Amino acid sequence: MKYTSDLVDQIEASASVMASQKAREMKASGINVISLAAGEPDFPTPPHVVEAAKAAIDKGQTKYADVRGTLVLRQAIQSKFERDNNLRFSLDEIMVGPGAKSLIATVLMASVNPGDEIIIPAPSWVSYVDIARLVNGLPVVVETVPESGLKLDPVRLEAAITDKSRWLLLNSPGNPTGSVYTKDELVALATVLERHPHVMVLSDEIYEYLVFDNVKFVSFLEAAPQLRDRVVTLNGASKGYAMTGWRIGYSAAPAALTKGMAKVAGQMVGSSSSISQAAAVAAMDGPQGYLAERATSYQSRRDRVLELLSAIPGLTAIPPQGAFYLYVNCGGILGRATPKGEELKTDSDVVNYLLEAAAVVTVTGAAYGLSPYFRISIATDIEQLEEACHRISMAIEELQ
């Protein structure tokens, strides 16, 4: 008997999730493995946020909530957009979901018809393509180049748009590259989109607070207010506030689309945890100064890892301006052989070799749609990062 549908058979398991699971299994078996796979802050959830959750429990705030999110959280999100992004939304345009990932699926499920094309610049987060497939959309992967900082440029966007194009998925700061679009770059993309009024934009801004080198984050809608009725702005508490396990994402979209999203969510997932929502209110309304401090910590780790990687022949990386990843080009070691005589033909071979020879878990670039690269997360302490780089260096030295 075949238990899975043809649609499910077309998608892949999340490469980053699987890599993290492999690391946990190796650690449980006693292997001294270093995992650079997880896209998860190593900082704790702020104490005042935790206390707000405890208070919500004590007050009995443990019931179902509005599928769109509690009123007080949507008000906090409304204030956040105005404070941080100079964007003003009505409450019927704002929706909360159990993580930003679920909201991406909800947005697309509410708006995509079978065969609609979804433009996805590569490299891109591992789930975009498969979520597009799950909603019966057609992912159109557009490869970017190092010369543009692995960011989508107007020429490639224009070439990708057809009469069937429905969405452009844009991620800044980006996973896996850490690329951050400037206001001028967003304006240039918006100029193309103005010529194609049937294309909407989902702007994934989940890493907003993690930017380096005094770079200013600019929301897509802030750069292109003329496209307001065609833009969904997506964000969440996971990355900046270190609240991954709390599962709170949020979106701002045209009211009619948000209404459709609420229909989907009402039938598929219901409301987000009421306790997590109370915690998110405290995060958004509370002190924000520690966000910059944490970004500075990630920047110092980035600088150290770049220094160590630059000393390894065959590896290069564009310095990321945000998030907490490095997308490492490993093309310089392809064609070489392991001590066992096995040729490294792909970035997947490189990732497997680093796992076997160095006990370092990374994620293959193929999962993000652009090879030959592998992704490492710098969301771990500097001692572990230095040891991982040392292991990688020693393993590469052994190649023939």
Protein backbone atom coordinates (compact mmCIF):
# COMPACT_ATOMS: atom_id res chain seq x y z
CA MET A 1 0.00 0.00 0.00
CA LYS A 2 1.18 3.50 -0.85
CA TYR A 3 0.54 5.73 2.14
CA THR A 4 1.72 9.13 0.90
CA SER A 5 0.20 11.29 -1.81
CA ASP A 6 1.91 12.07 -5.10
CA LEU A 7 2.19 15.68 -3.90
CA VAL A 8 4.01 14.73 -0.72
CA ASP A 9 6.31 12.45 -2.71
CA GLN A 10 7.46 15.48 -4.70
CA ILE A 11 8.84 17.35 -1.68
CA GLU A 12 11.96 16.86 0.39
CA ALA A 13 12.45 16.74 4.13
CA SER A 14 13.99 19.96 5.45
CA ALA A 15 17.78 19.61 5.05
CA SER A 16 18.56 21.86 8.01
CA VAL A 17 16.11 19.99 10.25
CA MET A 18 17.55 16.65 9.19
CA ALA A 19 21.12 17.85 9.76
CA SER A 20 20.24 19.06 13.24
CA GLN A 21 18.56 15.74 13.99
CA LYS A 22 21.69 13.90 12.81
CA ALA A 23 23.78 15.99 15.20
CA ARG A 24 21.50 15.14 18.12
CA GLU A 25 21.71 11.44 17.30
CA MET A 26 25.50 11.56 17.09
CA LYS A 27 25.76 13.35 20.43
CA ALA A 28 23.40 10.84 22.02
CA SER A 29 25.69 8.02 20.84
CA GLY A 30 28.69 9.66 22.49
CA ILE A 31 30.33 11.27 19.46
CA ASN A 32 31.95 14.65 20.10
CA VAL A 33 30.13 16.35 17.26
CA ILE A 34 29.89 20.09 16.64
CA SER A 35 26.67 21.11 14.94
CA LEU A 36 26.72 24.23 12.76
CA ALA A 37 23.37 23.33 11.22
CA ALA A 38 20.63 24.87 13.35
CA GLY A 39 19.12 28.24 12.50
CA GLU A 40 18.46 28.96 16.14
CA PRO A 41 19.84 31.69 18.41
CA ASP A 42 22.00 30.39 21.24
CA PHE A 43 20.92 33.29 23.47
CA PRO A 44 18.16 32.64 26.03
CA THR A 45 14.69 34.10 25.78
CA PRO A 46 14.84 37.40 27.73
CA PRO A 47 13.80 37.03 31.40
CA HIS A 48 11.01 39.61 31.21
CA VAL A 49 9.47 37.65 28.34
CA VAL A 50 9.58 34.41 30.33
CA GLU A 51 8.02 36.16 33.33
CA ALA A 52 5.18 37.44 31.13
CA ALA A 53 4.42 33.88 30.09
CA LYS A 54 4.38 32.73 33.72
CA ALA A 55 2.06 35.57 34.61
CA ALA A 56 -0.30 34.62 31.78
CA ILE A 57 -0.50 31.08 33.13
CA ASP A 58 -1.16 32.34 36.65
CA LYS A 59 -3.94 34.57 35.32
CA GLY A 60 -5.58 31.64 33.55
CA GLN A 61 -4.87 32.91 30.05
CA THR A 62 -4.78 29.34 28.75
CA LYS A 63 -7.80 29.21 26.46
CA TYR A 64 -8.21 29.32 22.69
CA ALA A 65 -7.42 32.71 21.20
CA ASP A 66 -8.68 34.53 18.12
CA VAL A 67 -7.32 32.70 15.08
CA ARG A 68 -5.84 36.03 13.92
CA GLY A 69 -4.03 36.50 17.24
CA THR A 70 -5.00 38.17 20.50
CA LEU A 71 -6.04 41.78 20.27
CA VAL A 72 -3.23 42.91 22.58
CA LEU A 73 -0.56 41.13 20.51
CA ARG A 74 -1.88 42.51 17.23
CA GLN A 75 -1.78 45.96 18.80
CA ALA A 76 1.84 45.36 19.86
CA ILE A 77 2.68 44.27 16.31
CA GLN A 78 0.93 47.34 14.96
CA SER A 79 3.09 49.52 17.21
CA LYS A 80 6.23 47.60 16.29
CA PHE A 81 5.72 48.21 12.56
CA GLU A 82 5.24 51.92 13.15
CA ARG A 83 8.20 52.19 15.56
CA ASP A 84 10.74 50.15 13.59
CA ASN A 85 9.62 50.34 9.96
CA ASN A 86 7.54 53.52 9.59
CA LEU A 87 4.66 51.32 8.44
CA ARG A 88 1.06 51.73 9.55
CA PHE A 89 -1.39 48.87 9.41
CA SER A 90 -4.95 48.46 10.62
CA LEU A 91 -5.66 45.58 12.97
CA ASP A 92 -7.62 43.71 10.30
CA GLU A 93 -4.43 43.57 8.22
CA ILE A 94 -2.37 41.87 10.94
CA MET A 95 -2.34 38.16 11.71
CA VAL A 96 -0.45 35.94 14.15
CA GLY A 97 0.48 32.33 13.43
CA PRO A 98 2.35 29.46 15.11
CA GLY A 99 5.69 30.44 13.61
CA ALA A 100 6.53 32.39 10.48
CA LYS A 101 6.84 29.15 8.51
CA SER A 102 3.17 28.33 9.05
CA LEU A 103 2.18 31.81 7.92
CA ILE A 104 4.12 31.42 4.66
CA ALA A 105 2.09 28.31 3.95
CA THR A 106 -1.11 30.06 5.02
CA VAL A 107 -0.47 33.05 2.75
CA LEU A 108 0.21 30.85 -0.26
CA MET A 109 -2.62 28.44 0.45
CA ALA A 110 -5.03 31.37 0.63
CA SER A 111 -3.89 32.92 -2.64
CA VAL A 112 -2.35 30.38 -5.04
CA ASN A 113 -4.27 28.49 -7.70
CA PRO A 114 -2.85 25.30 -9.22
CA GLY A 115 -0.07 26.18 -11.66
CA ASP A 116 0.53 29.70 -10.35
CA GLU A 117 4.24 30.51 -10.47
CA ILE A 118 6.16 31.49 -7.35
CA ILE A 119 9.50 33.21 -8.01
CA ILE A 120 12.19 32.20 -5.53
CA PRO A 121 15.71 33.68 -5.73
CA ALA A 122 18.39 31.07 -5.06
CA PRO A 123 20.04 30.41 -2.73
CA SER A 124 16.94 30.50 -0.56
CA TRP A 125 15.65 29.06 2.68
CA VAL A 126 15.12 25.32 2.30
CA SER A 127 11.33 25.38 2.82
CA TYR A 128 10.26 27.95 0.22
CA VAL A 129 10.32 25.61 -2.76
CA ASP A 130 8.56 22.74 -1.05
CA ILE A 131 5.89 24.95 0.53
CA ALA A 132 5.23 26.28 -2.98
CA ARG A 133 4.77 22.73 -4.21
CA LEU A 134 2.53 21.81 -1.30
CA VAL A 135 0.04 24.51 -2.26
CA ASN A 136 0.07 23.30 -5.89
CA GLY A 137 2.14 26.26 -7.02
CA LEU A 138 5.03 26.06 -9.45
CA PRO A 139 8.33 27.23 -7.92
CA VAL A 140 10.45 29.23 -10.35
CA VAL A 141 13.98 29.21 -8.96
CA VAL A 142 16.15 32.12 -10.12
CA GLU A 143 19.86 31.67 -9.45
CA THR A 144 21.78 34.70 -8.21
CA VAL A 145 25.50 35.39 -8.61
CA PRO A 146 28.33 36.40 -6.26
CA GLU A 147 28.78 39.67 -8.17
CA SER A 148 25.38 40.81 -6.87
CA GLY A 149 26.09 39.53 -3.36
CA LEU A 150 23.85 36.51 -4.08
CA LYS A 151 20.87 38.86 -4.23
CA LEU A 152 18.17 39.06 -6.88
CA ASP A 153 18.77 41.81 -9.43
CA PRO A 154 16.18 43.58 -11.62
CA VAL A 155 17.32 41.91 -14.86
CA ARG A 156 16.89 38.40 -13.48
CA LEU A 157 13.57 39.32 -11.90
CA GLU A 158 12.23 40.72 -15.17
CA ALA A 159 13.30 37.60 -17.04
CA ALA A 160 11.55 35.33 -14.55
CA ILE A 161 8.13 37.01 -14.68
CA THR A 162 5.47 35.46 -16.89
CA ASP A 163 1.70 35.77 -17.20
CA LYS A 164 1.43 32.96 -14.63
CA SER A 165 3.61 34.62 -12.01
CA ARG A 166 1.73 35.08 -8.76
CA TRP A 167 4.35 35.70 -6.05
CA LEU A 168 7.91 36.81 -5.50
CA LEU A 169 9.39 35.49 -2.26
CA LEU A 170 12.05 37.84 -0.95
CA ASN A 171 14.14 37.29 2.19
CA SER A 172 16.28 40.04 3.73
CA PRO A 173 18.43 39.56 5.74
CA GLY A 174 18.68 36.28 3.93
CA ASN A 175 19.02 32.65 4.88
CA PRO A 176 21.47 31.09 3.96
CA THR A 177 23.60 33.98 2.70
CA GLY A 178 23.13 36.75 5.26
CA SER A 179 22.64 39.17 2.35
CA VAL A 180 20.77 42.38 3.13
CA TYR A 181 19.04 44.36 0.39
CA THR A 182 19.68 48.09 0.40
CA LYS A 183 16.86 50.55 -0.10
CA ASP A 184 18.11 51.29 -3.62
CA GLU A 185 18.13 47.59 -4.48
CA LEU A 186 14.57 47.18 -3.21
CA VAL A 187 13.45 50.23 -5.16
CA ALA A 188 14.99 48.75 -8.32
CA LEU A 189 13.08 45.49 -7.84
CA ALA A 190 9.88 47.44 -7.13
CA THR A 191 10.33 49.34 -10.39
CA VAL A 192 10.20 46.02 -12.25
CA LEU A 193 7.18 44.87 -10.29
CA GLU A 194 5.28 48.07 -11.08
CA ARG A 195 5.25 46.90 -14.69
CA HIS A 196 3.65 43.60 -13.66
CA PRO A 197 0.63 44.36 -11.46
CA HIS A 198 -0.36 40.68 -11.20
CA VAL A 199 2.72 39.78 -9.13
CA MET A 200 2.59 40.00 -5.35
CA VAL A 201 5.53 40.08 -2.93
CA LEU A 202 6.02 38.11 0.25
CA SER A 203 8.80 39.88 2.13
CA ASP A 204 10.27 37.56 4.77
CA GLU A 205 11.96 39.83 7.33
CA ILE A 206 12.44 37.33 10.17
CA TYR A 207 16.13 38.33 10.67
CA GLU A 208 15.38 42.05 10.78
CA TYR A 209 17.19 42.72 14.07
CA LEU A 210 20.33 40.79 13.12
CA VAL A 211 22.31 43.18 10.92
CA PHE A 212 26.02 44.02 10.99
CA ASP A 213 28.49 46.75 10.03
CA ASN A 214 26.03 49.56 10.81
CA VAL A 215 23.87 48.39 7.92
CA LYS A 216 20.35 49.80 8.07
CA PHE A 217 17.57 47.29 7.60
CA VAL A 218 14.84 48.50 5.25
CA SER A 219 11.49 46.75 4.96
CA PHE A 220 10.41 46.12 1.37
CA LEU A 221 7.16 48.03 1.85
CA GLU A 222 9.04 50.92 3.41
CA ALA A 223 11.09 51.17 0.21
CA ALA A 224 8.11 50.62 -2.11
CA PRO A 225 4.95 52.06 -0.52
CA GLN A 226 3.31 52.28 -3.95
CA LEU A 227 3.00 48.47 -3.89
CA ARG A 228 1.15 48.38 -0.57
CA ASP A 229 -1.84 46.44 -1.89
CA ARG A 230 0.47 43.73 -3.26
CA VAL A 231 2.87 43.13 -0.37
CA VAL A 232 2.77 40.75 2.58
CA THR A 233 5.31 41.60 5.28
CA LEU A 234 6.29 38.57 7.30
CA ASN A 235 8.18 38.50 10.59
CA GLY A 236 8.27 36.71 13.92
CA ALA A 237 9.67 36.49 17.42
CA SER A 238 11.97 33.53 16.78
CA LYS A 239 15.28 34.97 15.68
CA GLY A 240 15.74 38.44 17.15
CA TYR A 241 14.00 37.72 20.46
CA ALA A 242 15.40 34.16 20.71
CA MET A 243 11.93 32.66 20.95
CA THR A 244 12.14 29.78 18.47
CA GLY A 245 10.27 27.29 20.63
CA TRP A 246 7.51 29.74 21.46
CA ARG A 247 6.30 29.57 17.83
CA ILE A 248 5.08 33.09 17.14
CA GLY A 249 5.11 34.55 13.65
CA TYR A 250 3.11 37.46 12.30
CA SER A 251 2.18 39.08 9.04
CA ALA A 252 0.74 42.29 7.67
CA ALA A 253 -1.19 41.97 4.43
CA PRO A 254 -4.14 43.54 2.59
CA ALA A 255 -7.24 43.01 4.72
CA ALA A 256 -8.98 40.82 2.14
CA LEU A 257 -5.99 38.48 2.00
CA THR A 258 -5.69 38.39 5.79
CA LYS A 259 -9.35 37.41 5.94
CA GLY A 260 -8.66 34.52 3.58
CA MET A 261 -5.62 33.51 5.62
CA ALA A 262 -7.79 33.42 8.75
CA LYS A 263 -10.16 31.03 6.96
CA VAL A 264 -7.28 28.70 6.15
CA ALA A 265 -5.79 28.89 9.62
CA GLY A 266 -9.17 28.36 11.22
CA GLN A 267 -9.53 25.05 9.44
CA MET A 268 -5.89 23.92 9.59
CA VAL A 269 -4.18 25.05 12.80
CA GLY A 270 -6.46 27.26 14.88
CA SER A 271 -4.89 29.92 17.06
CA SER A 272 -1.33 30.24 18.27
CA SER A 273 -0.61 29.44 21.93
CA SER A 274 -2.21 32.06 24.15
CA ILE A 275 0.73 31.84 26.55
CA SER A 276 3.28 32.37 23.80
CA GLN A 277 1.28 35.35 22.57
CA ALA A 278 1.44 36.94 26.01
CA ALA A 279 5.21 36.43 25.98
CA ALA A 280 5.47 38.01 22.52
CA VAL A 281 3.63 41.11 23.73
CA ALA A 282 6.28 41.55 26.42
CA ALA A 283 9.02 41.07 23.82
CA MET A 284 7.66 43.69 21.44
CA ASP A 285 6.51 46.25 24.00
CA GLY A 286 9.45 45.79 26.36
CA PRO A 287 13.09 46.95 26.20
CA GLN A 288 14.77 46.59 22.82
CA GLY A 289 18.36 47.56 23.56
CA TYR A 290 19.64 44.00 23.94
CA LEU A 291 18.78 43.27 20.29
CA ALA A 292 21.68 45.42 19.06
CA GLU A 293 23.98 43.90 21.68
CA ARG A 294 23.23 40.40 20.44
CA ALA A 295 23.73 41.45 16.83
CA THR A 296 27.14 42.82 17.81
CA SER A 297 28.00 39.46 19.35
CA TYR A 298 27.06 37.65 16.14
CA GLN A 299 29.13 40.14 14.16
CA SER A 300 32.24 39.39 16.21
CA ARG A 301 31.69 35.67 15.67
CA ARG A 302 31.24 36.26 11.95
CA ASP A 303 34.52 38.17 11.79
CA ARG A 304 36.42 35.42 13.63
CA VAL A 305 34.99 32.61 11.51
CA LEU A 306 35.70 34.51 8.29
CA GLU A 307 39.27 34.98 9.48
CA LEU A 308 39.68 31.27 10.12
CA LEU A 309 37.97 30.15 6.92
CA SER A 310 40.05 32.51 4.78
CA ALA A 311 43.13 30.59 5.89
CA ILE A 312 41.73 27.31 4.50
CA PRO A 313 42.70 26.81 0.84
CA GLY A 314 39.70 26.06 -1.36
CA LEU A 315 37.05 27.77 0.80
CA THR A 316 35.67 31.29 0.33
CA ALA A 317 32.67 33.18 1.66
CA ILE A 318 31.02 36.53 0.99
CA PRO A 319 30.89 38.34 4.36
CA PRO A 320 27.23 38.28 5.45
CA GLN A 321 25.65 41.57 6.52
CA GLY A 322 22.97 39.96 8.63
CA ALA A 323 21.37 36.79 10.08
CA PHE A 324 23.78 34.26 11.60
CA TYR A 325 25.00 32.15 8.71
CA LEU A 326 27.95 31.89 6.36
CA TYR A 327 27.40 30.43 2.91
CA VAL A 328 30.76 28.90 2.12
CA ASN A 329 31.88 28.26 -1.46
CA CYS A 330 33.65 24.90 -1.54
CA GLY A 331 34.24 24.72 -5.29
CA GLY A 332 37.98 24.95 -4.66
CA ILE A 333 38.11 21.49 -3.12
CA LEU A 334 35.86 19.64 -5.55
CA GLY A 335 37.72 17.05 -7.56
CA ARG A 336 40.02 16.20 -4.68
CA ALA A 337 39.96 12.81 -2.97
CA THR A 338 39.47 11.79 0.64
CA PRO A 339 42.02 9.61 2.46
CA LYS A 340 39.77 6.68 1.49
CA GLY A 341 40.17 7.59 -2.18
CA GLU A 342 36.63 8.90 -2.65
CA GLU A 343 36.37 11.92 -4.96
CA LEU A 344 34.48 14.98 -3.73
CA LYS A 345 32.21 15.68 -6.69
CA THR A 346 29.48 17.81 -5.08
CA ASP A 347 28.86 20.00 -2.07
CA SER A 348 26.87 17.11 -0.61
CA ASP A 349 30.04 15.02 -0.78
CA VAL A 350 31.88 17.80 1.06
CA VAL A 351 29.24 17.99 3.80
CA ASN A 352 29.32 14.21 4.26
CA TYR A 353 33.12 14.23 4.38
CA LEU A 354 33.20 16.97 7.03
CA LEU A 355 30.71 14.98 9.08
CA GLU A 356 32.72 11.76 8.81
CA ALA A 357 36.25 13.15 9.06
CA ALA A 358 35.73 16.15 11.34
CA ALA A 359 32.46 15.44 13.18
CA VAL A 360 31.22 18.86 12.07
CA VAL A 361 27.60 19.12 10.91
CA THR A 362 26.90 21.59 8.09
CA VAL A 363 24.11 21.85 5.49
CA THR A 364 24.65 21.28 1.79
CA GLY A 365 24.20 24.21 -0.58
CA ALA A 366 22.12 22.02 -2.88
CA ALA A 367 19.33 22.22 -0.30
CA TYR A 368 19.25 26.00 -0.81
CA GLY A 369 19.23 25.78 -4.58
CA LEU A 370 22.78 26.90 -5.37
CA SER A 371 25.98 24.84 -5.45
CA PRO A 372 28.84 24.32 -4.70
CA TYR A 373 28.35 25.75 -1.22
CA PHE A 374 27.63 24.65 2.32
CA ARG A 375 25.96 26.64 5.09
CA ILE A 376 27.26 27.01 8.60
CA SER A 377 25.48 28.68 11.50
CA ILE A 378 27.46 30.96 13.80
CA ALA A 379 24.74 30.85 16.45
CA THR A 380 26.98 29.00 18.89
CA ASP A 381 29.76 30.02 21.25
CA ILE A 382 33.09 31.21 19.87
CA GLU A 383 35.04 28.27 21.34
CA GLN A 384 32.89 25.80 19.44
CA LEU A 385 33.18 27.85 16.26
CA GLU A 386 36.96 27.97 16.53
CA GLU A 387 37.17 24.25 17.19
CA ALA A 388 34.86 23.52 14.24
CA CYS A 389 36.99 25.64 11.91
CA HIS A 390 40.12 23.86 13.16
CA ARG A 391 38.53 20.48 12.45
CA ILE A 392 37.43 21.59 8.99
CA SER A 393 40.93 22.85 8.24
CA MET A 394 42.56 19.59 9.34
CA ALA A 395 40.09 17.52 7.31
CA ILE A 396 40.72 19.54 4.15
CA GLU A 397 44.47 19.26 4.64
CA GLU A 398 44.09 15.49 4.39
CA LEU A 399 42.52 15.67 0.94
CA GLN A 400 44.58 14.37 -1.97
